[in-house]
PDB file of N, CA and C in Angstrom:
ATOM      1  N   MET A   1     115.755  57.504 159.924  1.00  0.00           N
ATOM      2  CA  MET A   1     115.949  56.457 160.884  1.00  0.00           C
ATOM      3  C   MET A   1     117.298  56.654 161.582  1.00  0.00           C
ATOM      4  N   LYS A   2     117.307  56.567 162.876  1.00  0.00           N
ATOM      5  CA  LYS A   2     118.497  56.753 163.691  1.00  0.00           C
ATOM      6  C   LYS A   2     119.269  55.431 163.787  1.00  0.00           C
ATOM      7  N   ILE A   3     120.587  55.480 163.515  1.00  0.00           N
ATOM      8  CA  ILE A   3     121.424  54.285 163.549  1.00  0.00           C
ATOM      9  C   ILE A   3     122.580  54.522 164.512  1.00  0.00           C
ATOM     10  N   LYS A   4     122.802  53.565 165.409  1.00  0.00           N
ATOM     11  CA  LYS A   4     123.901  53.635 166.369  1.00  0.00           C
ATOM     12  C   LYS A   4     125.193  53.159 165.706  1.00  0.00           C
ATOM     13  N   ILE A   5     126.274  53.889 165.950  1.00  0.00           N
ATOM     14  CA  ILE A   5     127.600  53.522 165.447  1.00  0.00           C
ATOM     15  C   ILE A   5     128.450  53.092 166.635  1.00  0.00           C
ATOM     16  N   GLU A   6     129.095  51.934 166.505  1.00  0.00           N
ATOM     17  CA  GLU A   6     129.979  51.431 167.551  1.00  0.00           C
ATOM     18  C   GLU A   6     131.222  50.824 166.924  1.00  0.00           C
ATOM     19  N   THR A   7     132.360  50.999 167.581  1.00  0.00           N
ATOM     20  CA  THR A   7     133.594  50.357 167.154  1.00  0.00           C
ATOM     21  C   THR A   7     134.433  50.026 168.380  1.00  0.00           C
ATOM     22  N   PRO A   8     135.069  48.863 168.393  1.00  0.00           N
ATOM     23  CA  PRO A   8     135.970  48.535 169.500  1.00  0.00           C
ATOM     24  C   PRO A   8     137.300  49.294 169.408  1.00  0.00           C
ATOM     25  N   GLU A   9     137.504  50.031 168.317  1.00  0.00           N
ATOM     26  CA  GLU A   9     138.744  50.787 168.115  1.00  0.00           C
ATOM     27  C   GLU A   9     138.773  52.106 168.893  1.00  0.00           C
ATOM     28  N   ALA A  10     137.663  52.443 169.534  1.00  0.00           N
ATOM     29  CA  ALA A  10     137.567  53.646 170.368  1.00  0.00           C
ATOM     30  C   ALA A  10     136.979  53.229 171.713  1.00  0.00           C
ATOM     31  N   PRO A  11     137.159  54.059 172.741  1.00  0.00           N
ATOM     32  CA  PRO A  11     136.604  53.706 174.044  1.00  0.00           C
ATOM     33  C   PRO A  11     135.093  53.468 173.963  1.00  0.00           C
ATOM     34  N   ALA A  12     134.646  52.439 174.657  1.00  0.00           N
ATOM     35  CA  ALA A  12     133.217  52.133 174.680  1.00  0.00           C
ATOM     36  C   ALA A  12     132.457  53.271 175.355  1.00  0.00           C
ATOM     37  N   ALA A  13     131.267  53.518 174.861  1.00  0.00           N
ATOM     38  CA  ALA A  13     130.413  54.540 175.465  1.00  0.00           C
ATOM     39  C   ALA A  13     129.729  53.954 176.698  1.00  0.00           C
ATOM     40  N   PRO A  14     129.602  54.737 177.768  1.00  0.00           N
ATOM     41  CA  PRO A  14     128.864  54.249 178.933  1.00  0.00           C
ATOM     42  C   PRO A  14     127.430  53.896 178.539  1.00  0.00           C
ATOM     43  N   GLY A  15     126.777  53.100 179.322  1.00  0.00           N
ATOM     44  CA  GLY A  15     125.444  52.599 179.022  1.00  0.00           C
ATOM     45  C   GLY A  15     124.419  53.634 178.598  1.00  0.00           C
ATOM     46  N   LEU A  16     124.548  54.867 179.048  1.00  0.00           N
ATOM     47  CA  LEU A  16     123.549  55.873 178.716  1.00  0.00           C
ATOM     48  C   LEU A  16     123.902  56.679 177.478  1.00  0.00           C
ATOM     49  N   LEU A  17     125.015  56.323 176.787  1.00  0.00           N
ATOM     50  CA  LEU A  17     125.467  57.079 175.618  1.00  0.00           C
ATOM     51  C   LEU A  17     125.758  56.154 174.440  1.00  0.00           C
ATOM     52  N   SER A  18     125.951  56.743 173.268  1.00  0.00           N
ATOM     53  CA  SER A  18     126.427  56.042 172.079  1.00  0.00           C
ATOM     54  C   SER A  18     127.728  56.704 171.652  1.00  0.00           C
ATOM     55  N   GLN A  19     128.612  55.954 170.990  1.00  0.00           N
ATOM     56  CA  GLN A  19     129.814  56.574 170.437  1.00  0.00           C
ATOM     57  C   GLN A  19     129.408  57.576 169.363  1.00  0.00           C
ATOM     58  N   ALA A  20     128.440  57.180 168.551  1.00  0.00           N
ATOM     59  CA  ALA A  20     127.921  58.072 167.509  1.00  0.00           C
ATOM     60  C   ALA A  20     126.552  57.587 167.081  1.00  0.00           C
ATOM     61  N   VAL A  21     125.804  58.507 166.498  1.00  0.00           N
ATOM     62  CA  VAL A  21     124.487  58.207 165.951  1.00  0.00           C
ATOM     63  C   VAL A  21     124.393  58.886 164.590  1.00  0.00           C
ATOM     64  N   VAL A  22     123.825  58.163 163.626  1.00  0.00           N
ATOM     65  CA  VAL A  22     123.591  58.723 162.296  1.00  0.00           C
ATOM     66  C   VAL A  22     122.095  58.898 162.112  1.00  0.00           C
ATOM     67  N   ASN A  23     121.710  60.062 161.622  1.00  0.00           N
ATOM     68  CA  ASN A  23     120.310  60.329 161.326  1.00  0.00           C
ATOM     69  C   ASN A  23     120.249  61.175 160.061  1.00  0.00           C
ATOM     70  N   ASP A  24     119.533  60.696 159.056  1.00  0.00           N
ATOM     71  CA  ASP A  24     119.386  61.421 157.788  1.00  0.00           C
ATOM     72  C   ASP A  24     120.735  61.845 157.199  1.00  0.00           C
ATOM     73  N   GLY A  25     121.733  60.957 157.279  1.00  0.00           N
ATOM     74  CA  GLY A  25     123.031  61.241 156.689  1.00  0.00           C
ATOM     75  C   GLY A  25     123.941  62.130 157.505  1.00  0.00           C
ATOM     76  N   VAL A  26     123.496  62.551 158.692  1.00  0.00           N
ATOM     77  CA  VAL A  26     124.318  63.377 159.570  1.00  0.00           C
ATOM     78  C   VAL A  26     124.814  62.495 160.716  1.00  0.00           C
ATOM     79  N   ILE A  27     126.118  62.579 160.994  1.00  0.00           N
ATOM     80  CA  ILE A  27     126.757  61.761 162.022  1.00  0.00           C
ATOM     81  C   ILE A  27     127.091  62.650 163.211  1.00  0.00           C
ATOM     82  N   TYR A  28     126.570  62.291 164.357  1.00  0.00           N
ATOM     83  CA  TYR A  28     126.812  63.017 165.600  1.00  0.00           C
ATOM     84  C   TYR A  28     127.740  62.150 166.448  1.00  0.00           C
ATOM     85  N   VAL A  29     128.971  62.602 166.651  1.00  0.00           N
ATOM     86  CA  VAL A  29     129.952  61.825 167.396  1.00  0.00           C
ATOM     87  C   VAL A  29     130.078  62.398 168.804  1.00  0.00           C
ATOM     88  N   ALA A  30     129.935  61.511 169.784  1.00  0.00           N
ATOM     89  CA  ALA A  30     130.038  61.914 171.182  1.00  0.00           C
ATOM     90  C   ALA A  30     131.435  62.408 171.499  1.00  0.00           C
ATOM     91  N   GLY A  31     131.539  63.232 172.517  1.00  0.00           N
ATOM     92  CA  GLY A  31     132.827  63.746 172.946  1.00  0.00           C
ATOM     93  C   GLY A  31     133.795  62.623 173.264  1.00  0.00           C
ATOM     94  N   GLN A  32     135.009  62.768 172.751  1.00  0.00           N
ATOM     95  CA  GLN A  32     136.065  61.793 172.998  1.00  0.00           C
ATOM     96  C   GLN A  32     137.177  62.455 173.799  1.00  0.00           C
ATOM     97  N   ILE A  33     137.663  61.714 174.791  1.00  0.00           N
ATOM     98  CA  ILE A  33     138.781  62.187 175.599  1.00  0.00           C
ATOM     99  C   ILE A  33     140.016  61.369 175.249  1.00  0.00           C
ATOM    100  N   HIS A  34     141.118  61.656 175.884  1.00  0.00           N
ATOM    101  CA  HIS A  34     142.383  60.987 175.571  1.00  0.00           C
ATOM    102  C   HIS A  34     142.536  59.669 176.333  1.00  0.00           C
ATOM    103  N   SER A  35     141.601  58.762 176.059  1.00  0.00           N
ATOM    104  CA  SER A  35     141.704  57.418 176.617  1.00  0.00           C
ATOM    105  C   SER A  35     141.849  56.421 175.478  1.00  0.00           C
ATOM    106  N   THR A  36     142.468  55.305 175.772  1.00  0.00           N
ATOM    107  CA  THR A  36     142.670  54.250 174.788  1.00  0.00           C
ATOM    108  C   THR A  36     141.382  53.462 174.619  1.00  0.00           C
ATOM    109  N   SER A  37     141.365  52.562 173.654  1.00  0.00           N
ATOM    110  CA  SER A  37     140.148  51.786 173.394  1.00  0.00           C
ATOM    111  C   SER A  37     139.749  50.920 174.582  1.00  0.00           C
ATOM    112  N   ASP A  38     140.696  50.622 175.481  1.00  0.00           N
ATOM    113  CA  ASP A  38     140.352  49.858 176.681  1.00  0.00           C
ATOM    114  C   ASP A  38     139.931  50.763 177.841  1.00  0.00           C
ATOM    115  N   GLY A  39     139.809  52.062 177.569  1.00  0.00           N
ATOM    116  CA  GLY A  39     139.309  53.004 178.564  1.00  0.00           C
ATOM    117  C   GLY A  39     140.359  53.614 179.470  1.00  0.00           C
ATOM    118  N   LYS A  40     141.632  53.329 179.226  1.00  0.00           N
ATOM    119  CA  LYS A  40     142.702  53.872 180.062  1.00  0.00           C
ATOM    120  C   LYS A  40     143.049  55.282 179.610  1.00  0.00           C
ATOM    121  N   LEU A  41     142.969  56.236 180.532  1.00  0.00           N
ATOM    122  CA  LEU A  41     143.305  57.631 180.242  1.00  0.00           C
ATOM    123  C   LEU A  41     144.818  57.741 180.081  1.00  0.00           C
ATOM    124  N   ILE A  42     145.260  58.266 178.924  1.00  0.00           N
ATOM    125  CA  ILE A  42     146.703  58.408 178.730  1.00  0.00           C
ATOM    126  C   ILE A  42     147.171  59.721 179.329  1.00  0.00           C
ATOM    127  N   GLU A  43     148.384  59.704 179.824  1.00  0.00           N
ATOM    128  CA  GLU A  43     149.035  60.905 180.336  1.00  0.00           C
ATOM    129  C   GLU A  43     150.066  61.314 179.294  1.00  0.00           C
ATOM    130  N   GLY A  44     150.731  62.395 179.530  1.00  0.00           N
ATOM    131  CA  GLY A  44     151.754  62.841 178.582  1.00  0.00           C
ATOM    132  C   GLY A  44     151.509  64.274 178.173  1.00  0.00           C
ATOM    133  N   SER A  45     152.114  64.630 177.061  1.00  0.00           N
ATOM    134  CA  SER A  45     152.022  66.001 176.573  1.00  0.00           C
ATOM    135  C   SER A  45     150.637  66.296 176.005  1.00  0.00           C
ATOM    136  N   THR A  46     150.357  67.562 175.843  1.00  0.00           N
ATOM    137  CA  THR A  46     149.104  67.976 175.200  1.00  0.00           C
ATOM    138  C   THR A  46     149.014  67.372 173.811  1.00  0.00           C
ATOM    139  N   GLU A  47     150.139  67.349 173.094  1.00  0.00           N
ATOM    140  CA  GLU A  47     150.146  66.793 171.745  1.00  0.00           C
ATOM    141  C   GLU A  47     149.812  65.305 171.754  1.00  0.00           C
ATOM    142  N   GLU A  48     150.370  64.551 172.682  1.00  0.00           N
ATOM    143  CA  GLU A  48     150.075  63.114 172.779  1.00  0.00           C
ATOM    144  C   GLU A  48     148.604  62.879 173.105  1.00  0.00           C
ATOM    145  N   LYS A  49     148.085  63.669 174.005  1.00  0.00           N
ATOM    146  CA  LYS A  49     146.667  63.560 174.370  1.00  0.00           C
ATOM    147  C   LYS A  49     145.779  63.898 173.168  1.00  0.00           C
ATOM    148  N   ALA A  50     146.135  64.959 172.456  1.00  0.00           N
ATOM    149  CA  ALA A  50     145.339  65.373 171.293  1.00  0.00           C
ATOM    150  C   ALA A  50     145.354  64.293 170.216  1.00  0.00           C
ATOM    151  N   HIS A  51     146.504  63.690 169.975  1.00  0.00           N
ATOM    152  CA  HIS A  51     146.576  62.600 168.984  1.00  0.00           C
ATOM    153  C   HIS A  51     145.673  61.437 169.389  1.00  0.00           C
ATOM    154  N   GLN A  52     145.616  61.119 170.678  1.00  0.00           N
ATOM    155  CA  GLN A  52     144.753  60.016 171.118  1.00  0.00           C
ATOM    156  C   GLN A  52     143.287  60.369 170.906  1.00  0.00           C
ATOM    157  N   VAL A  53     142.907  61.588 171.224  1.00  0.00           N
ATOM    158  CA  VAL A  53     141.525  62.024 170.986  1.00  0.00           C
ATOM    159  C   VAL A  53     141.183  61.898 169.502  1.00  0.00           C
ATOM    160  N   MET A  54     142.070  62.386 168.654  1.00  0.00           N
ATOM    161  CA  MET A  54     141.821  62.339 167.216  1.00  0.00           C
ATOM    162  C   MET A  54     141.793  60.901 166.699  1.00  0.00           C
ATOM    163  N   LYS A  55     142.615  60.029 167.265  1.00  0.00           N
ATOM    164  CA  LYS A  55     142.603  58.612 166.899  1.00  0.00           C
ATOM    165  C   LYS A  55     141.233  58.006 167.223  1.00  0.00           C
ATOM    166  N   ASN A  56     140.694  58.345 168.387  1.00  0.00           N
ATOM    167  CA  ASN A  56     139.367  57.849 168.773  1.00  0.00           C
ATOM    168  C   ASN A  56     138.296  58.354 167.806  1.00  0.00           C
ATOM    169  N   LEU A  57     138.356  59.643 167.497  1.00  0.00           N
ATOM    170  CA  LEU A  57     137.381  60.219 166.567  1.00  0.00           C
ATOM    171  C   LEU A  57     137.491  59.582 165.184  1.00  0.00           C
ATOM    172  N   ALA A  58     138.729  59.372 164.718  1.00  0.00           N
ATOM    173  CA  ALA A  58     138.952  58.757 163.398  1.00  0.00           C
ATOM    174  C   ALA A  58     138.351  57.355 163.342  1.00  0.00           C
ATOM    175  N   ALA A  59     138.506  56.593 164.417  1.00  0.00           N
ATOM    176  CA  ALA A  59     137.965  55.226 164.453  1.00  0.00           C
ATOM    177  C   ALA A  59     136.441  55.236 164.366  1.00  0.00           C
ATOM    178  N   ILE A  60     135.823  56.166 165.056  1.00  0.00           N
ATOM    179  CA  ILE A  60     134.354  56.257 165.027  1.00  0.00           C
ATOM    180  C   ILE A  60     133.880  56.725 163.661  1.00  0.00           C
ATOM    181  N   LEU A  61     134.547  57.723 163.095  1.00  0.00           N
ATOM    182  CA  LEU A  61     134.189  58.180 161.750  1.00  0.00           C
ATOM    183  C   LEU A  61     134.321  57.039 160.739  1.00  0.00           C
ATOM    184  N   LYS A  62     135.403  56.273 160.840  1.00  0.00           N
ATOM    185  CA  LYS A  62     135.611  55.143 159.935  1.00  0.00           C
ATOM    186  C   LYS A  62     134.482  54.123 160.074  1.00  0.00           C
ATOM    187  N   ALA A  63     134.064  53.855 161.302  1.00  0.00           N
ATOM    188  CA  ALA A  63     132.960  52.917 161.532  1.00  0.00           C
ATOM    189  C   ALA A  63     131.662  53.423 160.900  1.00  0.00           C
ATOM    190  N   ALA A  64     131.551  54.739 160.772  1.00  0.00           N
ATOM    191  CA  ALA A  64     130.369  55.345 160.145  1.00  0.00           C
ATOM    192  C   ALA A  64     130.531  55.455 158.627  1.00  0.00           C
ATOM    193  N   GLY A  65     131.712  55.082 158.117  1.00  0.00           N
ATOM    194  CA  GLY A  65     131.946  55.111 156.671  1.00  0.00           C
ATOM    195  C   GLY A  65     132.419  56.435 156.121  1.00  0.00           C
ATOM    196  N   VAL A  66     132.986  57.286 156.984  1.00  0.00           N
ATOM    197  CA  VAL A  66     133.477  58.599 156.550  1.00  0.00           C
ATOM    198  C   VAL A  66     134.851  58.859 157.159  1.00  0.00           C
ATOM    199  N   ASN A  67     135.370  60.074 156.954  1.00  0.00           N
ATOM    200  CA  ASN A  67     136.644  60.475 157.550  1.00  0.00           C
ATOM    201  C   ASN A  67     136.586  61.958 157.902  1.00  0.00           C
ATOM    202  N   PHE A  68     137.733  62.513 158.288  1.00  0.00           N
ATOM    203  CA  PHE A  68     137.746  63.907 158.741  1.00  0.00           C
ATOM    204  C   PHE A  68     137.313  64.905 157.661  1.00  0.00           C
ATOM    205  N   SER A  69     137.424  64.554 156.404  1.00  0.00           N
ATOM    206  CA  SER A  69     136.998  65.477 155.349  1.00  0.00           C
ATOM    207  C   SER A  69     135.477  65.652 155.325  1.00  0.00           C
ATOM    208  N   ASN A  70     134.740  64.778 156.005  1.00  0.00           N
ATOM    209  CA  ASN A  70     133.284  64.856 156.068  1.00  0.00           C
ATOM    210  C   ASN A  70     132.781  65.659 157.270  1.00  0.00           C
ATOM    211  N   VAL A  71     133.702  66.136 158.104  1.00  0.00           N
ATOM    212  CA  VAL A  71     133.315  66.835 159.329  1.00  0.00           C
ATOM    213  C   VAL A  71     132.842  68.250 159.017  1.00  0.00           C
ATOM    214  N   LEU A  72     131.716  68.602 159.622  1.00  0.00           N
ATOM    215  CA  LEU A  72     131.120  69.932 159.453  1.00  0.00           C
ATOM    216  C   LEU A  72     131.419  70.864 160.618  1.00  0.00           C
ATOM    217  N   LYS A  73     131.357  70.309 161.845  1.00  0.00           N
ATOM    218  CA  LYS A  73     131.477  71.135 163.049  1.00  0.00           C
ATOM    219  C   LYS A  73     132.233  70.376 164.118  1.00  0.00           C
ATOM    220  N   VAL A  74     133.097  71.095 164.823  1.00  0.00           N
ATOM    221  CA  VAL A  74     133.905  70.512 165.887  1.00  0.00           C
ATOM    222  C   VAL A  74     133.724  71.348 167.152  1.00  0.00           C
ATOM    223  N   ASN A  75     133.584  70.657 168.277  1.00  0.00           N
ATOM    224  CA  ASN A  75     133.534  71.305 169.588  1.00  0.00           C
ATOM    225  C   ASN A  75     134.738  70.819 170.382  1.00  0.00           C
ATOM    226  N   VAL A  76     135.583  71.748 170.807  1.00  0.00           N
ATOM    227  CA  VAL A  76     136.777  71.419 171.573  1.00  0.00           C
ATOM    228  C   VAL A  76     136.593  71.960 172.988  1.00  0.00           C
ATOM    229  N   TYR A  77     136.875  71.104 173.966  1.00  0.00           N
ATOM    230  CA  TYR A  77     136.806  71.492 175.372  1.00  0.00           C
ATOM    231  C   TYR A  77     138.172  71.219 175.998  1.00  0.00           C
ATOM    232  N   VAL A  78     138.733  72.199 176.666  1.00  0.00           N
ATOM    233  CA  VAL A  78     140.025  72.055 177.331  1.00  0.00           C
ATOM    234  C   VAL A  78     139.908  72.601 178.752  1.00  0.00           C
ATOM    235  N   THR A  79     140.741  72.066 179.632  1.00  0.00           N
ATOM    236  CA  THR A  79     140.739  72.576 181.003  1.00  0.00           C
ATOM    237  C   THR A  79     141.795  73.653 181.217  1.00  0.00           C
ATOM    238  N   ASP A  80     142.668  73.844 180.226  1.00  0.00           N
ATOM    239  CA  ASP A  80     143.700  74.872 180.296  1.00  0.00           C
ATOM    240  C   ASP A  80     143.817  75.540 178.915  1.00  0.00           C
ATOM    241  N   ILE A  81     143.272  76.720 178.784  1.00  0.00           N
ATOM    242  CA  ILE A  81     143.225  77.396 177.486  1.00  0.00           C
ATOM    243  C   ILE A  81     144.630  77.700 176.955  1.00  0.00           C
ATOM    244  N   SER A  82     145.602  77.782 177.824  1.00  0.00           N
ATOM    245  CA  SER A  82     146.970  78.057 177.353  1.00  0.00           C
ATOM    246  C   SER A  82     147.547  76.881 176.563  1.00  0.00           C
ATOM    247  N   GLU A  83     146.943  75.707 176.641  1.00  0.00           N
ATOM    248  CA  GLU A  83     147.391  74.533 175.895  1.00  0.00           C
ATOM    249  C   GLU A  83     146.749  74.455 174.503  1.00  0.00           C
ATOM    250  N   LEU A  84     145.839  75.371 174.202  1.00  0.00           N
ATOM    251  CA  LEU A  84     145.111  75.315 172.933  1.00  0.00           C
ATOM    252  C   LEU A  84     146.035  75.419 171.718  1.00  0.00           C
ATOM    253  N   SER A  85     147.063  76.223 171.791  1.00  0.00           N
ATOM    254  CA  SER A  85     147.955  76.346 170.637  1.00  0.00           C
ATOM    255  C   SER A  85     148.663  75.023 170.350  1.00  0.00           C
ATOM    256  N   LYS A  86     149.025  74.266 171.365  1.00  0.00           N
ATOM    257  CA  LYS A  86     149.646  72.953 171.166  1.00  0.00           C
ATOM    258  C   LYS A  86     148.631  71.981 170.561  1.00  0.00           C
ATOM    259  N   LEU A  87     147.405  72.030 171.050  1.00  0.00           N
ATOM    260  CA  LEU A  87     146.345  71.188 170.494  1.00  0.00           C
ATOM    261  C   LEU A  87     146.113  71.544 169.035  1.00  0.00           C
ATOM    262  N   ASN A  88     146.133  72.829 168.719  1.00  0.00           N
ATOM    263  CA  ASN A  88     145.912  73.272 167.336  1.00  0.00           C
ATOM    264  C   ASN A  88     146.961  72.718 166.371  1.00  0.00           C
ATOM    265  N   GLU A  89     148.196  72.559 166.825  1.00  0.00           N
ATOM    266  CA  GLU A  89     149.253  72.001 165.971  1.00  0.00           C
ATOM    267  C   GLU A  89     148.916  70.575 165.553  1.00  0.00           C
ATOM    268  N   VAL A  90     148.331  69.816 166.457  1.00  0.00           N
ATOM    269  CA  VAL A  90     147.901  68.448 166.144  1.00  0.00           C
ATOM    270  C   VAL A  90     146.624  68.487 165.306  1.00  0.00           C
ATOM    271  N   TYR A  91     145.684  69.289 165.720  1.00  0.00           N
ATOM    272  CA  TYR A  91     144.374  69.408 165.066  1.00  0.00           C
ATOM    273  C   TYR A  91     144.521  69.655 163.567  1.00  0.00           C
ATOM    274  N   LYS A  92     145.398  70.576 163.199  1.00  0.00           N
ATOM    275  CA  LYS A  92     145.515  70.956 161.789  1.00  0.00           C
ATOM    276  C   LYS A  92     146.117  69.855 160.923  1.00  0.00           C
ATOM    277  N   THR A  93     146.718  68.842 161.522  1.00  0.00           N
ATOM    278  CA  THR A  93     147.231  67.716 160.728  1.00  0.00           C
ATOM    279  C   THR A  93     146.125  66.736 160.364  1.00  0.00           C
ATOM    280  N   TYR A  94     144.994  66.804 161.031  1.00  0.00           N
ATOM    281  CA  TYR A  94     143.860  65.922 160.753  1.00  0.00           C
ATOM    282  C   TYR A  94     142.831  66.589 159.842  1.00  0.00           C
ATOM    283  N   PHE A  95     142.693  67.895 159.968  1.00  0.00           N
ATOM    284  CA  PHE A  95     141.728  68.632 159.160  1.00  0.00           C
ATOM    285  C   PHE A  95     142.491  69.401 158.091  1.00  0.00           C
ATOM    286  N   THR A  96     142.568  68.817 156.893  1.00  0.00           N
ATOM    287  CA  THR A  96     143.344  69.417 155.809  1.00  0.00           C
ATOM    288  C   THR A  96     142.499  69.734 154.586  1.00  0.00           C
ATOM    289  N   ALA A  97     141.321  69.123 154.478  1.00  0.00           N
ATOM    290  CA  ALA A  97     140.468  69.317 153.299  1.00  0.00           C
ATOM    291  C   ALA A  97     139.626  70.580 153.445  1.00  0.00           C
ATOM    292  N   GLU A  98     139.610  71.372 152.394  1.00  0.00           N
ATOM    293  CA  GLU A  98     138.763  72.578 152.352  1.00  0.00           C
ATOM    294  C   GLU A  98     137.366  72.198 151.884  1.00  0.00           C
ATOM    295  N   PRO A  99     136.349  72.853 152.362  1.00  0.00           N
ATOM    296  CA  PRO A  99     136.418  73.842 153.428  1.00  0.00           C
ATOM    297  C   PRO A  99     136.630  73.165 154.776  1.00  0.00           C
ATOM    298  N   LEU A 100     137.387  73.813 155.622  1.00  0.00           N
ATOM    299  CA  LEU A 100     137.622  73.294 156.969  1.00  0.00           C
ATOM    300  C   LEU A 100     136.328  73.375 157.766  1.00  0.00           C
ATOM    301  N   PRO A 101     136.158  72.489 158.745  1.00  0.00           N
ATOM    302  CA  PRO A 101     134.934  72.549 159.544  1.00  0.00           C
ATOM    303  C   PRO A 101     134.908  73.801 160.425  1.00  0.00           C
ATOM    304  N   VAL A 102     133.722  74.211 160.807  1.00  0.00           N
ATOM    305  CA  VAL A 102     133.600  75.285 161.787  1.00  0.00           C
ATOM    306  C   VAL A 102     133.965  74.697 163.147  1.00  0.00           C
ATOM    307  N   ARG A 103     134.375  75.564 164.068  1.00  0.00           N
ATOM    308  CA  ARG A 103     134.841  75.051 165.350  1.00  0.00           C
ATOM    309  C   ARG A 103     134.643  76.071 166.443  1.00  0.00           C
ATOM    310  N   GLU A 104     134.457  75.545 167.629  1.00  0.00           N
ATOM    311  CA  GLU A 104     134.498  76.384 168.812  1.00  0.00           C
ATOM    312  C   GLU A 104     135.385  75.706 169.834  1.00  0.00           C
ATOM    313  N   ALA A 105     136.105  76.489 170.608  1.00  0.00           N
ATOM    314  CA  ALA A 105     136.954  75.967 171.675  1.00  0.00           C
ATOM    315  C   ALA A 105     136.516  76.628 172.971  1.00  0.00           C
ATOM    316  N   VAL A 106     136.291  75.816 173.972  1.00  0.00           N
ATOM    317  CA  VAL A 106     135.766  76.299 175.240  1.00  0.00           C
ATOM    318  C   VAL A 106     136.646  75.796 176.378  1.00  0.00           C
ATOM    319  N   CYS A 107     137.009  76.676 177.277  1.00  0.00           N
ATOM    320  CA  CYS A 107     137.760  76.288 178.464  1.00  0.00           C
ATOM    321  C   CYS A 107     136.753  75.966 179.561  1.00  0.00           C
ATOM    322  N   VAL A 108     136.903  74.778 180.148  1.00  0.00           N
ATOM    323  CA  VAL A 108     135.982  74.311 181.183  1.00  0.00           C
ATOM    324  C   VAL A 108     136.757  73.992 182.455  1.00  0.00           C
ATOM    325  N   LYS A 109     136.046  73.929 183.547  1.00  0.00           N
ATOM    326  CA  LYS A 109     136.683  73.651 184.833  1.00  0.00           C
ATOM    327  C   LYS A 109     137.165  72.211 184.931  1.00  0.00           C
ATOM    328  N   ALA A 110     136.362  71.268 184.438  1.00  0.00           N
ATOM    329  CA  ALA A 110     136.708  69.850 184.550  1.00  0.00           C
ATOM    330  C   ALA A 110     136.058  69.071 183.416  1.00  0.00           C
ATOM    331  N   LEU A 111     136.654  67.902 183.102  1.00  0.00           N
ATOM    332  CA  LEU A 111     136.127  66.992 182.081  1.00  0.00           C
ATOM    333  C   LEU A 111     136.020  65.595 182.676  1.00  0.00           C
ATOM    334  N   PRO A 112     135.264  64.707 182.034  1.00  0.00           N
ATOM    335  CA  PRO A 112     135.089  63.355 182.568  1.00  0.00           C
ATOM    336  C   PRO A 112     136.420  62.632 182.802  1.00  0.00           C
ATOM    337  N   LEU A 113     136.472  61.871 183.855  1.00  0.00           N
ATOM    338  CA  LEU A 113     137.602  61.014 184.213  1.00  0.00           C
ATOM    339  C   LEU A 113     138.912  61.767 184.427  1.00  0.00           C
ATOM    340  N   GLY A 114     138.827  63.078 184.626  1.00  0.00           N
ATOM    341  CA  GLY A 114     140.032  63.869 184.844  1.00  0.00           C
ATOM    342  C   GLY A 114     140.771  64.231 183.569  1.00  0.00           C
ATOM    343  N   ALA A 115     140.130  64.073 182.421  1.00  0.00           N
ATOM    344  CA  ALA A 115     140.750  64.415 181.141  1.00  0.00           C
ATOM    345  C   ALA A 115     140.971  65.919 181.058  1.00  0.00           C
ATOM    346  N   SER A 116     141.910  66.311 180.191  1.00  0.00           N
ATOM    347  CA  SER A 116     142.152  67.740 179.982  1.00  0.00           C
ATOM    348  C   SER A 116     141.698  68.206 178.604  1.00  0.00           C
ATOM    349  N   ILE A 117     141.331  67.244 177.720  1.00  0.00           N
ATOM    350  CA  ILE A 117     140.839  67.560 176.377  1.00  0.00           C
ATOM    351  C   ILE A 117     139.651  66.663 176.064  1.00  0.00           C
ATOM    352  N   GLU A 118     138.614  67.255 175.479  1.00  0.00           N
ATOM    353  CA  GLU A 118     137.481  66.486 174.946  1.00  0.00           C
ATOM    354  C   GLU A 118     137.068  67.152 173.638  1.00  0.00           C
ATOM    355  N   ILE A 119     136.817  66.329 172.625  1.00  0.00           N
ATOM    356  CA  ILE A 119     136.382  66.860 171.331  1.00  0.00           C
ATOM    357  C   ILE A 119     135.194  66.046 170.839  1.00  0.00           C
ATOM    358  N   SER A 120     134.151  66.740 170.416  1.00  0.00           N
ATOM    359  CA  SER A 120     133.004  66.102 169.769  1.00  0.00           C
ATOM    360  C   SER A 120     132.874  66.713 168.384  1.00  0.00           C
ATOM    361  N   LEU A 121     132.125  66.038 167.517  1.00  0.00           N
ATOM    362  CA  LEU A 121     131.971  66.588 166.179  1.00  0.00           C
ATOM    363  C   LEU A 121     130.689  66.117 165.494  1.00  0.00           C
ATOM    364  N   ILE A 122     130.386  66.818 164.420  1.00  0.00           N
ATOM    365  CA  ILE A 122     129.252  66.489 163.563  1.00  0.00           C
ATOM    366  C   ILE A 122     129.803  66.361 162.152  1.00  0.00           C
ATOM    367  N   ALA A 123     129.436  65.266 161.471  1.00  0.00           N
ATOM    368  CA  ALA A 123     129.906  65.023 160.113  1.00  0.00           C
ATOM    369  C   ALA A 123     128.717  64.662 159.230  1.00  0.00           C
ATOM    370  N   THR A 124     128.974  64.550 157.944  1.00  0.00           N
ATOM    371  CA  THR A 124     127.914  64.181 157.019  1.00  0.00           C
ATOM    372  C   THR A 124     128.376  63.054 156.106  1.00  0.00           C
ATOM    373  N   LYS A 125     127.449  62.225 155.709  1.00  0.00           N
ATOM    374  CA  LYS A 125     127.762  61.176 154.758  1.00  0.00           C
ATOM    375  C   LYS A 125     127.754  61.724 153.336  1.00  0.00           C
ATOM    376  N   GLY A 126     127.226  62.913 153.168  1.00  0.00           N
ATOM    377  CA  GLY A 126     127.175  63.548 151.838  1.00  0.00           C
ATOM    378  C   GLY A 126     128.501  64.148 151.468  1.00  0.00           C
ATOM    379  N   ASN A 127     128.529  64.795 150.295  1.00  0.00           N
ATOM    380  CA  ASN A 127     129.781  65.414 149.820  1.00  0.00           C
ATOM    381  C   ASN A 127     130.074  66.605 150.637  1.00  0.00           C
TER     382      ASN A 127
END
């Protein structure tokens, strides 16, 4: 059975999306950008933007009853690949439990609302 996950601690999903969906113990979290829970896109350094993205993801994971240690796969999208090393410095402070999730990083031309970072992930309610 598919269950919708919602939290006011992360930006609301537009009408055609969900923040996350759980199905058979697997949590699919929609891409999060560096906007606050009220939908305001934050500016600043790559590190500040990355922390906001991770804060949004953490809030959604918490609403689903899990945390970053339950993450299996991460998709990172950036508009400037040269900023990836700065993002990685923030990223590694959130993912500390072994085994680390698998990940891909992709440089794209543009992201929603003019964001420069978007991260989506898949987690599990299991061990």
